[in-house]
Amino acid sequence: MSQQQPIIKQIIGKIVKSIRIKKGLSQEDLAFECNVDRSYISMIEVGRNEPSVSKIFEICEGLNIKPSDFFKLVEAEYENLKDNNSTENK
């Protein structure tokens, strides 16, 4: 269970970055929309910072997606990684 937190941080960062790029936004654009510094977005994207739930809602607003859709993506990626790890350990 102790490895779950770093994995979740990395998944959140990967998904934020992926959606941001698909939407054609720079880190600065997203940071402006979320009223945070660009370096904060960068730290999230590389998995060094884990945003609070309220900040995730703000990021989702900046990305113009529903938080429920964002969390579904996080859950799907987590389950995929978990399945891959259990398959590798057999």
N, C-alpha and C. Protein backbone atom coordinates (compact mmCIF):
# COMPACT_ATOMS: atom_id res chain seq x y z
N MET A 1 0.82 -1.20 0.00
CA MET A 1 0.00 0.00 0.00
C MET A 1 0.86 1.26 0.00
N SER A 2 2.07 1.19 0.55
CA SER A 2 2.93 2.37 0.61
C SER A 2 3.36 2.82 -0.77
N GLN A 3 3.37 1.91 -1.76
CA GLN A 3 3.75 2.29 -3.11
C GLN A 3 2.59 2.94 -3.86
N GLN A 4 1.39 2.84 -3.33
CA GLN A 4 0.21 3.38 -4.02
C GLN A 4 0.32 4.88 -4.22
N GLN A 5 0.72 5.63 -3.20
CA GLN A 5 0.76 7.09 -3.31
C GLN A 5 1.68 7.58 -4.42
N PRO A 6 2.93 7.12 -4.51
CA PRO A 6 3.76 7.59 -5.62
C PRO A 6 3.17 7.23 -6.98
N ILE A 7 2.56 6.05 -7.08
CA ILE A 7 1.95 5.64 -8.34
C ILE A 7 0.80 6.58 -8.70
N ILE A 8 -0.04 6.90 -7.74
CA ILE A 8 -1.18 7.79 -7.99
C ILE A 8 -0.69 9.17 -8.42
N LYS A 9 0.33 9.69 -7.76
CA LYS A 9 0.88 10.99 -8.14
C LYS A 9 1.37 10.98 -9.58
N GLN A 10 2.04 9.91 -9.96
CA GLN A 10 2.55 9.80 -11.32
C GLN A 10 1.41 9.70 -12.33
N ILE A 11 0.38 8.94 -11.99
CA ILE A 11 -0.78 8.80 -12.88
C ILE A 11 -1.48 10.13 -13.06
N ILE A 12 -1.72 10.84 -11.98
CA ILE A 12 -2.37 12.16 -12.05
C ILE A 12 -1.56 13.08 -12.96
N GLY A 13 -0.25 13.11 -12.76
CA GLY A 13 0.60 13.96 -13.58
C GLY A 13 0.57 13.60 -15.04
N LYS A 14 0.63 12.30 -15.32
CA LYS A 14 0.60 11.82 -16.70
C LYS A 14 -0.70 12.22 -17.38
N ILE A 15 -1.81 12.10 -16.67
CA ILE A 15 -3.11 12.41 -17.26
C ILE A 15 -3.28 13.91 -17.45
N VAL A 16 -2.87 14.70 -16.47
CA VAL A 16 -2.94 16.17 -16.62
C VAL A 16 -2.15 16.59 -17.85
N LYS A 17 -0.93 16.09 -17.97
CA LYS A 17 -0.09 16.46 -19.10
C LYS A 17 -0.71 16.03 -20.43
N SER A 18 -1.21 14.82 -20.47
CA SER A 18 -1.81 14.29 -21.70
C SER A 18 -3.01 15.13 -22.15
N ILE A 19 -3.89 15.43 -21.22
CA ILE A 19 -5.07 16.23 -21.56
C ILE A 19 -4.66 17.65 -21.95
N ARG A 20 -3.72 18.22 -21.20
CA ARG A 20 -3.27 19.58 -21.50
C ARG A 20 -2.72 19.66 -22.92
N ILE A 21 -1.91 18.69 -23.30
CA ILE A 21 -1.32 18.68 -24.65
C ILE A 21 -2.41 18.48 -25.70
N LYS A 22 -3.34 17.56 -25.45
CA LYS A 22 -4.44 17.34 -26.39
C LYS A 22 -5.28 18.59 -26.60
N LYS A 23 -5.40 19.39 -25.54
CA LYS A 23 -6.19 20.62 -25.62
C LYS A 23 -5.38 21.78 -26.22
N GLY A 24 -4.09 21.54 -26.46
CA GLY A 24 -3.24 22.58 -27.05
C GLY A 24 -2.86 23.68 -26.08
N LEU A 25 -2.82 23.33 -24.80
CA LEU A 25 -2.48 24.32 -23.77
C LEU A 25 -1.02 24.16 -23.34
N SER A 26 -0.37 25.27 -23.08
CA SER A 26 0.96 25.22 -22.48
C SER A 26 0.78 25.09 -20.96
N GLN A 27 1.86 24.80 -20.27
CA GLN A 27 1.80 24.78 -18.81
C GLN A 27 1.40 26.16 -18.29
N GLU A 28 1.91 27.21 -18.93
CA GLU A 28 1.55 28.57 -18.53
C GLU A 28 0.06 28.83 -18.71
N ASP A 29 -0.50 28.37 -19.84
CA ASP A 29 -1.94 28.55 -20.08
C ASP A 29 -2.75 27.89 -18.97
N LEU A 30 -2.43 26.64 -18.67
CA LEU A 30 -3.17 25.92 -17.65
C LEU A 30 -2.97 26.56 -16.28
N ALA A 31 -1.76 26.95 -15.97
CA ALA A 31 -1.48 27.61 -14.69
C ALA A 31 -2.31 28.88 -14.55
N PHE A 32 -2.41 29.65 -15.61
CA PHE A 32 -3.20 30.88 -15.59
C PHE A 32 -4.67 30.56 -15.31
N GLU A 33 -5.19 29.54 -15.98
CA GLU A 33 -6.59 29.14 -15.78
C GLU A 33 -6.87 28.68 -14.36
N CYS A 34 -5.85 28.10 -13.73
CA CYS A 34 -6.01 27.55 -12.37
C CYS A 34 -5.52 28.50 -11.28
N ASN A 35 -5.02 29.66 -11.70
CA ASN A 35 -4.50 30.66 -10.76
C ASN A 35 -3.36 30.09 -9.89
N VAL A 36 -2.44 29.37 -10.55
CA VAL A 36 -1.25 28.85 -9.88
C VAL A 36 -0.03 29.19 -10.72
N ASP A 37 1.13 28.94 -10.18
CA ASP A 37 2.37 29.17 -10.91
C ASP A 37 2.61 28.02 -11.89
N ARG A 38 3.27 28.32 -12.99
CA ARG A 38 3.58 27.30 -13.99
C ARG A 38 4.38 26.16 -13.38
N SER A 39 5.28 26.48 -12.45
CA SER A 39 6.11 25.44 -11.84
C SER A 39 5.27 24.44 -11.05
N TYR A 40 4.14 24.88 -10.52
CA TYR A 40 3.23 23.97 -9.80
C TYR A 40 2.66 22.93 -10.77
N ILE A 41 2.24 23.38 -11.95
CA ILE A 41 1.73 22.46 -12.97
C ILE A 41 2.84 21.49 -13.38
N SER A 42 4.04 22.00 -13.56
CA SER A 42 5.17 21.16 -13.93
C SER A 42 5.43 20.08 -12.87
N MET A 43 5.39 20.47 -11.61
CA MET A 43 5.64 19.53 -10.51
C MET A 43 4.56 18.45 -10.47
N ILE A 44 3.33 18.81 -10.77
CA ILE A 44 2.24 17.82 -10.83
C ILE A 44 2.52 16.85 -11.98
N GLU A 45 2.84 17.40 -13.14
CA GLU A 45 3.02 16.58 -14.33
C GLU A 45 4.17 15.58 -14.21
N VAL A 46 5.20 15.91 -13.47
CA VAL A 46 6.32 14.98 -13.30
C VAL A 46 6.15 14.09 -12.06
N GLY A 47 5.01 14.23 -11.38
CA GLY A 47 4.72 13.37 -10.24
C GLY A 47 5.41 13.74 -8.95
N ARG A 48 5.89 14.97 -8.86
CA ARG A 48 6.56 15.41 -7.63
C ARG A 48 5.63 16.13 -6.68
N ASN A 49 4.45 16.49 -7.17
CA ASN A 49 3.48 17.18 -6.34
C ASN A 49 2.11 16.55 -6.57
N GLU A 50 1.37 16.36 -5.51
CA GLU A 50 0.04 15.76 -5.60
C GLU A 50 -1.00 16.81 -5.23
N PRO A 51 -1.81 17.22 -6.20
CA PRO A 51 -2.80 18.27 -5.92
C PRO A 51 -3.91 17.76 -5.02
N SER A 52 -4.47 18.67 -4.24
CA SER A 52 -5.63 18.34 -3.41
C SER A 52 -6.83 18.10 -4.32
N VAL A 53 -7.87 17.55 -3.77
CA VAL A 53 -9.08 17.30 -4.54
C VAL A 53 -9.64 18.63 -5.06
N SER A 54 -9.66 19.66 -4.23
CA SER A 54 -10.19 20.96 -4.69
C SER A 54 -9.32 21.52 -5.82
N LYS A 55 -8.01 21.31 -5.76
CA LYS A 55 -7.14 21.79 -6.83
C LYS A 55 -7.35 20.96 -8.10
N ILE A 56 -7.61 19.67 -7.94
CA ILE A 56 -7.92 18.84 -9.11
C ILE A 56 -9.18 19.38 -9.80
N PHE A 57 -10.17 19.78 -9.03
CA PHE A 57 -11.38 20.36 -9.61
C PHE A 57 -11.05 21.63 -10.40
N GLU A 58 -10.15 22.45 -9.87
CA GLU A 58 -9.74 23.67 -10.57
C GLU A 58 -8.97 23.32 -11.85
N ILE A 59 -8.11 22.33 -11.77
CA ILE A 59 -7.36 21.90 -12.95
C ILE A 59 -8.32 21.37 -14.00
N CYS A 60 -9.29 20.58 -13.58
CA CYS A 60 -10.28 20.06 -14.52
C CYS A 60 -11.05 21.20 -15.19
N GLU A 61 -11.36 22.22 -14.42
CA GLU A 61 -12.04 23.38 -15.00
C GLU A 61 -11.14 24.04 -16.04
N GLY A 62 -9.85 24.18 -15.71
CA GLY A 62 -8.90 24.76 -16.65
C GLY A 62 -8.73 23.91 -17.90
N LEU A 63 -8.87 22.59 -17.74
CA LEU A 63 -8.75 21.67 -18.88
C LEU A 63 -10.09 21.47 -19.59
N ASN A 64 -11.13 22.03 -19.01
CA ASN A 64 -12.49 21.93 -19.56
C ASN A 64 -12.96 20.48 -19.66
N ILE A 65 -12.73 19.73 -18.56
CA ILE A 65 -13.26 18.38 -18.46
C ILE A 65 -13.95 18.22 -17.11
N LYS A 66 -14.82 17.25 -17.02
CA LYS A 66 -15.51 16.98 -15.76
C LYS A 66 -14.57 16.24 -14.82
N PRO A 67 -14.58 16.62 -13.55
CA PRO A 67 -13.74 15.89 -12.58
C PRO A 67 -14.04 14.40 -12.58
N SER A 68 -15.30 14.02 -12.76
CA SER A 68 -15.64 12.60 -12.77
C SER A 68 -14.93 11.89 -13.93
N ASP A 69 -14.84 12.54 -15.08
CA ASP A 69 -14.13 11.95 -16.21
C ASP A 69 -12.64 11.84 -15.92
N PHE A 70 -12.09 12.87 -15.27
CA PHE A 70 -10.67 12.84 -14.89
C PHE A 70 -10.39 11.67 -13.96
N PHE A 71 -11.23 11.52 -12.93
CA PHE A 71 -11.00 10.44 -11.97
C PHE A 71 -11.20 9.06 -12.60
N LYS A 72 -12.09 8.96 -13.58
CA LYS A 72 -12.25 7.69 -14.31
C LYS A 72 -10.96 7.34 -15.06
N LEU A 73 -10.32 8.35 -15.65
CA LEU A 73 -9.06 8.12 -16.34
C LEU A 73 -7.97 7.68 -15.36
N VAL A 74 -7.93 8.33 -14.20
CA VAL A 74 -6.95 7.96 -13.17
C VAL A 74 -7.19 6.52 -12.72
N GLU A 75 -8.45 6.20 -12.46
CA GLU A 75 -8.79 4.85 -12.01
C GLU A 75 -8.43 3.80 -13.07
N ALA A 76 -8.76 4.08 -14.32
CA ALA A 76 -8.46 3.13 -15.40
C ALA A 76 -6.96 2.89 -15.52
N GLU A 77 -6.19 3.96 -15.46
CA GLU A 77 -4.72 3.83 -15.56
C GLU A 77 -4.17 3.07 -14.36
N TYR A 78 -4.71 3.34 -13.17
CA TYR A 78 -4.27 2.65 -11.96
C TYR A 78 -4.55 1.15 -12.08
N GLU A 79 -5.76 0.81 -12.50
CA GLU A 79 -6.14 -0.60 -12.65
C GLU A 79 -5.28 -1.28 -13.70
N ASN A 80 -4.99 -0.57 -14.78
CA ASN A 80 -4.14 -1.12 -15.84
C ASN A 80 -2.74 -1.43 -15.30
N LEU A 81 -2.17 -0.49 -14.55
CA LEU A 81 -0.84 -0.71 -13.97
C LEU A 81 -0.87 -1.85 -12.96
N LYS A 82 -1.92 -1.88 -12.16
CA LYS A 82 -2.06 -2.94 -11.15
C LYS A 82 -2.16 -4.30 -11.82
N ASP A 83 -2.95 -4.39 -12.90
CA ASP A 83 -3.09 -5.65 -13.63
C ASP A 83 -1.77 -6.06 -14.26
N ASN A 84 -1.05 -5.10 -14.84
CA ASN A 84 0.25 -5.40 -15.45
C ASN A 84 1.25 -5.90 -14.41
N ASN A 85 1.24 -5.27 -13.23
CA ASN A 85 2.16 -5.69 -12.17
C ASN A 85 1.83 -7.08 -11.66
N SER A 86 0.54 -7.39 -11.53
CA SER A 86 0.17 -8.73 -11.02
C SER A 86 0.51 -9.79 -12.06
N THR A 87 0.40 -9.45 -13.34
CA THR A 87 0.76 -10.39 -14.40
C THR A 87 2.27 -10.64 -14.43
N GLU A 88 3.05 -9.59 -14.22
CA GLU A 88 4.50 -9.72 -14.21
C GLU A 88 5.00 -10.52 -13.02
N ASN A 89 4.29 -10.46 -11.90
CA ASN A 89 4.71 -11.14 -10.69
C ASN A 89 4.30 -12.61 -10.66
N LYS A 90 3.62 -13.10 -11.69
CA LYS A 90 3.18 -14.50 -11.70
C LYS A 90 4.21 -15.38 -12.35
